[in-house]
Amino acid sequence: MSDQQISRREFVQSTAVAAAALAAGAGFHTIARAEDLPDIKRTRSYNPDMEYRRLGKTNAWVSAVCMGGHWKRVDTAIKGSQKVEYSQPTGDEKIRFAQNRHDIVSCCIDHGINLIDACTGGEVMAYAAALKGRRDKMFLNYSWYEKEMRFAEWRSTPKLLQSLDEGLKEAGLEYVDLWRITCHEKGSSHTEAETEGFIKALESARKAGKCRFTGISTHDRPWIKKMVEKYGEALQVIVTPYTADSKVLPTDSVFEAVKKCDVGVLGIKPFASNSLFKGSSRLDDPNAAEDDKRARLAIRYILCNPAITAPIPGLINQHQVENVVAAVKESRQLARSEKAELDAAGKEMWARLPEDYQWLKDWRHV
């Protein structure tokens, strides 16, 4: 369904049908079964060469690797030297940047990648523009974090709903697929009243047809466990870190709650903010071939965890898209030599983490 083909009323009706399917319940599974194939073939931008995984109780089938909203190092892919991470560039670079985002989204669609996770105002605007006229090709995750739970002014139910309405209007969107509110990195610092407030906002937005699915983003593992167990109906998807060297705890893992409550998980920071790599992400970098291999090893490793629906790396050029797609097609289990190679790269990754990403070390064991 394109933006032009679907009305808000039709959207609400289709969401009600989906809710009925949710009530029936399919039980936790991310990996496709034979009986799932008809549904998978109907998913957005289906490509028989891509693997698709079930996004928890949403029952949506998303590609095994999806597109993260960030565009770190995009300056290496477009002319000019301005470095932008979470907002769009200005001036002459804005046109080249917009073309880059359009082309990367097109490449993803061609290869069967069917979800984009936008988590800032700049990202929402960039991807809404890139998807204009082909909104039905991608699941679009939405968070305008500058007007959400990290800022005191926006922590009430009315203000969050106001933020969503303003963002949809500014981006020219009637609805989004997943509204995943960005909470504090330490989510447990939110008060009970604040928590109840954003849960109510999510439920209200979904009922009104402004989003199909709901969830949160946070870096607080114990809080995630508590939240999905208490608010499982509202929290259908969690967006949270999972790196190339994260390990599942043998007991009391957050993934126990995820599986029990049938929650989809999208893993941010698979490459630890590029700390996994030796090079600059330029195509002519002398470390490019080795970094490509590290990226594929990381994707394959992360997908071995059945509780992770998909890692969502940022992608800045067509080569990176094709590289992660290649990873999905390679053998899932790493050979002993590959495991040793990834372990060594993981040690380098942790040692290379910049000061503002030291917190990611807490995600060594999940």
Foldseek 3Di string as FASTA:
>chain_A
DAQVPDDLVNLLVVLVVLVVVLVVPDAAFFADDPVCVVVQVPAALRDPLFGWTQQFSSRHTFTQAAAELWAFLLCLVFPDDDTDTQAADDDPVNVVQLVLLLVQVVLCSNLRGAEYERAALRSLLSVLSSCVPPVRRHQYEDHHQVQFAVDPVRQALVSVLVVLVVSCVVSVHQAHAEHAYEHELQNVVDDPNSVVGVLVNQVVCCSSSRYSAYAYEYAHLVVLLVCCVVSVVRHQEYEYADELQFAEDPPPGSLVSCNVSRHEYEHECHCVSVLLFDDSPNPPTPRNVVRLLLLLSSQLAVVVPRNHNHYHYHDNHSVSSVSNSVSSNDDSDDDPVSVVVNVVSVVSSQVRRDPVRVVCVVRSYD
